[in-house]
C-alpha atoms as a PDB file:
ATOM      1  CA  MET A   1     144.103  69.424  87.391  1.00  0.00           C
ATOM      2  CA  ALA A   2     140.762  67.850  86.415  1.00  0.00           C
ATOM      3  CA  SER A   3     139.698  67.664  90.069  1.00  0.00           C
ATOM      4  CA  LYS A   4     140.511  71.360  90.536  1.00  0.00           C
ATOM      5  CA  MET A   5     138.311  72.217  87.503  1.00  0.00           C
ATOM      6  CA  LYS A   6     135.454  70.135  88.898  1.00  0.00           C
ATOM      7  CA  LEU A   7     135.803  71.844  92.273  1.00  0.00           C
ATOM      8  CA  LEU A   8     135.892  75.288  90.629  1.00  0.00           C
ATOM      9  CA  SER A   9     132.810  74.457  88.531  1.00  0.00           C
ATOM     10  CA  LEU A  10     130.995  73.206  91.616  1.00  0.00           C
ATOM     11  CA  LEU A  11     131.826  76.402  93.527  1.00  0.00           C
ATOM     12  CA  LEU A  12     130.579  78.547  90.638  1.00  0.00           C
ATOM     13  CA  LEU A  13     127.306  76.605  90.286  1.00  0.00           C
ATOM     14  CA  LEU A  14     126.623  76.266  94.003  1.00  0.00           C
ATOM     15  CA  PRO A  15     125.136  79.762  94.415  1.00  0.00           C
ATOM     16  CA  LEU A  16     122.746  79.075  91.533  1.00  0.00           C
ATOM     17  CA  CYS A  17     121.510  75.836  93.106  1.00  0.00           C
ATOM     18  CA  ALA A  18     121.227  77.056  96.664  1.00  0.00           C
ATOM     19  CA  SER A  19     117.897  78.496  97.608  1.00  0.00           C
ATOM     20  CA  SER A  20     118.290  82.099  98.585  1.00  0.00           C
ATOM     21  CA  PRO A  21     115.617  84.178 100.243  1.00  0.00           C
ATOM     22  CA  THR A  22     114.060  86.571  97.783  1.00  0.00           C
ATOM     23  CA  ASP A  23     112.980  90.052  98.685  1.00  0.00           C
ATOM     24  CA  PRO A  24     109.226  90.453  98.797  1.00  0.00           C
ATOM     25  CA  PRO A  25     107.866  92.555  95.950  1.00  0.00           C
ATOM     26  CA  ALA A  26     107.691  96.253  96.651  1.00  0.00           C
ATOM     27  CA  PRO A  27     104.219  97.296  97.803  1.00  0.00           C
ATOM     28  CA  LYS A  28     102.026  98.932  95.167  1.00  0.00           C
ATOM     29  CA  PRO A  29     102.169 102.715  95.579  1.00  0.00           C
ATOM     30  CA  THR A  30      98.934 104.386  96.638  1.00  0.00           C
ATOM     31  CA  VAL A  31      96.973 106.494  94.197  1.00  0.00           C
ATOM     32  CA  TYR A  32      97.934 109.474  96.391  1.00  0.00           C
ATOM     33  CA  GLU A  33     101.613 108.705  95.665  1.00  0.00           C
ATOM     34  CA  ILE A  34     100.939 108.233  91.932  1.00  0.00           C
ATOM     35  CA  LEU A  35      99.216 111.588  91.295  1.00  0.00           C
ATOM     36  CA  PRO A  36     102.254 113.751  92.269  1.00  0.00           C
ATOM     37  CA  LYS A  37     104.440 111.658  89.933  1.00  0.00           C
ATOM     38  CA  PHE A  38     102.211 113.074  87.172  1.00  0.00           C
ATOM     39  CA  SER A  39     102.522 116.632  88.595  1.00  0.00           C
ATOM     40  CA  LEU A  40      98.957 116.490  89.961  1.00  0.00           C
ATOM     41  CA  PRO A  41      97.877 117.153  93.561  1.00  0.00           C
ATOM     42  CA  SER A  42      97.087 114.093  95.667  1.00  0.00           C
ATOM     43  CA  GLY A  43      93.925 115.710  97.061  1.00  0.00           C
ATOM     44  CA  LEU A  44      92.000 115.381  93.797  1.00  0.00           C
ATOM     45  CA  LEU A  45      90.578 112.126  95.155  1.00  0.00           C
ATOM     46  CA  PRO A  46      88.929 111.447  98.517  1.00  0.00           C
ATOM     47  CA  ASP A  47      90.543 109.351 101.249  1.00  0.00           C
ATOM     48  CA  SER A  48      88.188 106.436 100.552  1.00  0.00           C
ATOM     49  CA  VAL A  49      90.059 104.874  97.595  1.00  0.00           C
ATOM     50  CA  VAL A  50      90.112 101.089  98.095  1.00  0.00           C
ATOM     51  CA  ASN A  51      91.812 100.066  94.846  1.00  0.00           C
ATOM     52  CA  TYR A  52      92.994 101.334  91.489  1.00  0.00           C
ATOM     53  CA  THR A  53      94.464 100.134  88.209  1.00  0.00           C
ATOM     54  CA  LEU A  54      96.839 102.093  85.981  1.00  0.00           C
ATOM     55  CA  SER A  55      97.904 100.816  82.578  1.00  0.00           C
ATOM     56  CA  ASP A  56     101.098 101.717  80.735  1.00  0.00           C
ATOM     57  CA  ASP A  57      99.201 104.096  78.430  1.00  0.00           C
ATOM     58  CA  GLY A  58      97.807 106.044  81.421  1.00  0.00           C
ATOM     59  CA  GLN A  59      94.270 104.620  81.425  1.00  0.00           C
ATOM     60  CA  PHE A  60      93.093 104.230  85.011  1.00  0.00           C
ATOM     61  CA  GLU A  61      90.209 103.057  87.141  1.00  0.00           C
ATOM     62  CA  VAL A  62      89.827 104.154  90.757  1.00  0.00           C
ATOM     63  CA  TYR A  63      87.412 102.451  93.131  1.00  0.00           C
ATOM     64  CA  LEU A  64      85.998 104.162  96.231  1.00  0.00           C
ATOM     65  CA  GLU A  65      84.331 102.513  99.226  1.00  0.00           C
ATOM     66  CA  ASN A  66      81.112 104.339  98.316  1.00  0.00           C
ATOM     67  CA  PRO A  67      80.009 107.295  96.225  1.00  0.00           C
ATOM     68  CA  CYS A  68      80.572 110.495  98.184  1.00  0.00           C
ATOM     69  CA  TYR A  69      80.820 114.301  98.297  1.00  0.00           C
ATOM     70  CA  ILE A  70      83.553 116.797  99.177  1.00  0.00           C
ATOM     71  CA  GLN A  71      83.121 120.557  99.550  1.00  0.00           C
ATOM     72  CA  PHE A  72      85.896 122.496  97.791  1.00  0.00           C
ATOM     73  CA  ASP A  73      85.113 125.934  96.328  1.00  0.00           C
ATOM     74  CA  TYR A  74      82.267 123.909  94.805  1.00  0.00           C
ATOM     75  CA  LEU A  75      80.501 120.771  95.974  1.00  0.00           C
ATOM     76  CA  VAL A  76      81.994 117.740  94.186  1.00  0.00           C
ATOM     77  CA  TYR A  77      80.386 114.314  93.787  1.00  0.00           C
ATOM     78  CA  TYR A  78      82.521 111.188  93.295  1.00  0.00           C
ATOM     79  CA  GLU A  79      80.963 108.040  91.875  1.00  0.00           C
ATOM     80  CA  GLN A  80      82.164 104.711  93.278  1.00  0.00           C
ATOM     81  CA  LYS A  81      84.159 104.086  90.064  1.00  0.00           C
ATOM     82  CA  ILE A  82      86.216 106.867  88.451  1.00  0.00           C
ATOM     83  CA  THR A  83      87.977 106.399  85.111  1.00  0.00           C
ATOM     84  CA  GLY A  84      90.154 108.466  82.809  1.00  0.00           C
ATOM     85  CA  LYS A  85      93.559 108.851  81.226  1.00  0.00           C
ATOM     86  CA  LEU A  86      96.458 110.108  83.317  1.00  0.00           C
ATOM     87  CA  SER A  87      99.380 111.970  81.756  1.00  0.00           C
ATOM     88  CA  ILE A  88     101.907 114.500  83.008  1.00  0.00           C
ATOM     89  CA  GLY A  89      99.912 117.506  84.207  1.00  0.00           C
ATOM     90  CA  SER A  90      96.455 116.284  83.205  1.00  0.00           C
ATOM     91  CA  ILE A  91      93.604 113.827  83.502  1.00  0.00           C
ATOM     92  CA  THR A  92      91.509 113.489  80.337  1.00  0.00           C
ATOM     93  CA  ASN A  93      88.478 111.383  79.362  1.00  0.00           C
ATOM     94  CA  LEU A  94      87.398 111.691  82.991  1.00  0.00           C
ATOM     95  CA  LYS A  95      84.234 109.901  84.088  1.00  0.00           C
ATOM     96  CA  GLY A  96      82.784 109.646  87.590  1.00  0.00           C
ATOM     97  CA  ILE A  97      83.305 113.158  89.009  1.00  0.00           C
ATOM     98  CA  GLN A  98      80.625 115.858  88.976  1.00  0.00           C
ATOM     99  CA  VAL A  99      80.440 119.401  90.287  1.00  0.00           C
ATOM    100  CA  GLN A 100      77.369 121.221  91.565  1.00  0.00           C
ATOM    101  CA  ARG A 101      76.561 124.646  90.139  1.00  0.00           C
ATOM    102  CA  PHE A 102      73.572 126.953  90.501  1.00  0.00           C
ATOM    103  CA  TYR A 103      72.212 125.241  93.632  1.00  0.00           C
ATOM    104  CA  PHE A 104      70.934 122.014  92.113  1.00  0.00           C
ATOM    105  CA  PHE A 105      72.521 121.420  88.697  1.00  0.00           C
ATOM    106  CA  TRP A 106      75.257 118.797  88.422  1.00  0.00           C
ATOM    107  CA  PHE A 107      77.833 118.834  85.615  1.00  0.00           C
ATOM    108  CA  ASP A 108      80.397 116.205  84.608  1.00  0.00           C
ATOM    109  CA  VAL A 109      84.054 117.142  85.052  1.00  0.00           C
ATOM    110  CA  ASP A 110      85.653 116.077  81.760  1.00  0.00           C
ATOM    111  CA  GLU A 111      89.271 117.085  82.273  1.00  0.00           C
ATOM    112  CA  ILE A 112      91.674 118.365  84.929  1.00  0.00           C
ATOM    113  CA  LYS A 113      94.942 120.174  84.110  1.00  0.00           C
ATOM    114  CA  VAL A 114      97.732 121.996  85.906  1.00  0.00           C
ATOM    115  CA  ASP A 115     100.313 124.398  84.512  1.00  0.00           C
ATOM    116  CA  LEU A 116     103.788 123.035  83.812  1.00  0.00           C
ATOM    117  CA  PRO A 117     105.847 124.436  85.443  1.00  0.00           C
ATOM    118  CA  PRO A 118     103.423 124.787  88.355  1.00  0.00           C
ATOM    119  CA  SER A 119     101.716 128.163  88.740  1.00  0.00           C
ATOM    120  CA  GLY A 120      99.477 127.547  91.740  1.00  0.00           C
ATOM    121  CA  SER A 121      96.391 127.085  89.560  1.00  0.00           C
ATOM    122  CA  ILE A 122      94.418 124.048  88.484  1.00  0.00           C
ATOM    123  CA  TYR A 123      91.929 123.972  85.614  1.00  0.00           C
ATOM    124  CA  PHE A 124      88.708 121.980  85.364  1.00  0.00           C
ATOM    125  CA  THR A 125      86.890 121.460  82.087  1.00  0.00           C
ATOM    126  CA  VAL A 126      83.137 121.039  82.499  1.00  0.00           C
ATOM    127  CA  GLY A 127      81.547 120.763  79.070  1.00  0.00           C
ATOM    128  CA  ILE A 128      82.716 123.838  77.165  1.00  0.00           C
ATOM    129  CA  ILE A 129      83.561 125.778  80.326  1.00  0.00           C
ATOM    130  CA  ASN A 130      87.086 125.935  81.770  1.00  0.00           C
ATOM    131  CA  LYS A 131      87.335 126.984  85.414  1.00  0.00           C
ATOM    132  CA  GLU A 132      90.578 128.036  87.090  1.00  0.00           C
ATOM    133  CA  LEU A 133      90.852 127.365  90.836  1.00  0.00           C
ATOM    134  CA  GLU A 134      93.578 127.681  93.455  1.00  0.00           C
ATOM    135  CA  LEU A 135      95.691 124.513  93.540  1.00  0.00           C
ATOM    136  CA  ASP A 136      96.188 124.757  97.327  1.00  0.00           C
ATOM    137  CA  GLN A 137      92.721 123.376  98.119  1.00  0.00           C
ATOM    138  CA  PHE A 138      93.646 120.099  96.388  1.00  0.00           C
ATOM    139  CA  LEU A 139      96.971 119.440  98.106  1.00  0.00           C
ATOM    140  CA  THR A 140      95.464 117.643 101.116  1.00  0.00           C
ATOM    141  CA  VAL A 141      93.560 114.366 100.802  1.00  0.00           C
ATOM    142  CA  ARG A 142      90.119 114.965 102.310  1.00  0.00           C
ATOM    143  CA  SER A 143      87.485 112.758 103.843  1.00  0.00           C
ATOM    144  CA  CYS A 144      84.232 112.567 101.999  1.00  0.00           C
ATOM    145  CA  THR A 145      80.654 112.332 103.182  1.00  0.00           C
ATOM    146  CA  ASP A 146      77.756 110.286 101.922  1.00  0.00           C
ATOM    147  CA  LYS A 147      75.469 113.330 101.914  1.00  0.00           C
ATOM    148  CA  ALA A 148      75.642 116.529  99.923  1.00  0.00           C
ATOM    149  CA  VAL A 149      76.509 119.215 102.450  1.00  0.00           C
ATOM    150  CA  THR A 150      77.049 122.598 100.917  1.00  0.00           C
ATOM    151  CA  SER A 151      78.050 125.977 102.265  1.00  0.00           C
ATOM    152  CA  THR A 152      76.088 127.654  99.482  1.00  0.00           C
ATOM    153  CA  PRO A 153      73.051 129.401 100.968  1.00  0.00           C
ATOM    154  CA  VAL A 154      69.748 127.912 100.000  1.00  0.00           C
ATOM    155  CA  VAL A 155      67.307 130.363  98.432  1.00  0.00           C
ATOM    156  CA  GLU A 156      63.855 130.043  99.967  1.00  0.00           C
ATOM    157  CA  MET A 157      60.964 130.713  97.672  1.00  0.00           C
ATOM    158  CA  PRO A 158      57.914 132.517  99.052  1.00  0.00           C
ATOM    159  CA  THR A 159      55.117 130.160 100.004  1.00  0.00           C
ATOM    160  CA  SER A 160      52.316 132.285  98.597  1.00  0.00           C
ATOM    161  CA  VAL A 161      51.881 134.793  95.798  1.00  0.00           C
ATOM    162  CA  ASP A 162      50.936 137.405  98.397  1.00  0.00           C
ATOM    163  CA  ASP A 163      54.480 137.240  99.799  1.00  0.00           C
ATOM    164  CA  ILE A 164      56.019 138.292  96.467  1.00  0.00           C
ATOM    165  CA  PRO A 165      56.514 142.048  96.216  1.00  0.00           C
ATOM    166  CA  MET A 166      54.837 143.508  93.147  1.00  0.00           C
ATOM    167  CA  LEU A 167      56.798 145.619  90.713  1.00  0.00           C
ATOM    168  CA  VAL A 168      54.890 148.812  90.080  1.00  0.00           C
ATOM    169  CA  THR A 169      55.509 150.490  86.773  1.00  0.00           C
ATOM    170  CA  GLU A 170      53.938 153.625  85.376  1.00  0.00           C
END
């Protein structure tokens, strides 16, 4: 009886002692896979993300290969490091993304939000201004360029005072 108990104990412990192959850890999801889990479109960031960190409280840092630009409805500039706080349907405390307005003024994007449930709109907070845009333009991850290329027409100023029409009043 004692030998049967020893044999049974040995058989129970054997799997614990034997080296078994372990599964490799699951690969870290891409930032483009993370954004939809927070109900945000994956195309908010350019295709040049090389690394990111995301803490349990939603604080994140995203690193791009280089600073770059993407033309959406507005020209957007991405710094090489982008930070903020990610939560369901929003990014707050955003740093590292700017939007061009009025030909040559750049403004910091402070916050990005979507409607829950989704409505097809996305909202950008720039200072005290909230701008609603179509969500569709942010669904696809886009390539970025290292130069500001805009589809906004450039206004040419006259080269001499003589070229400026005079306003005649009576």
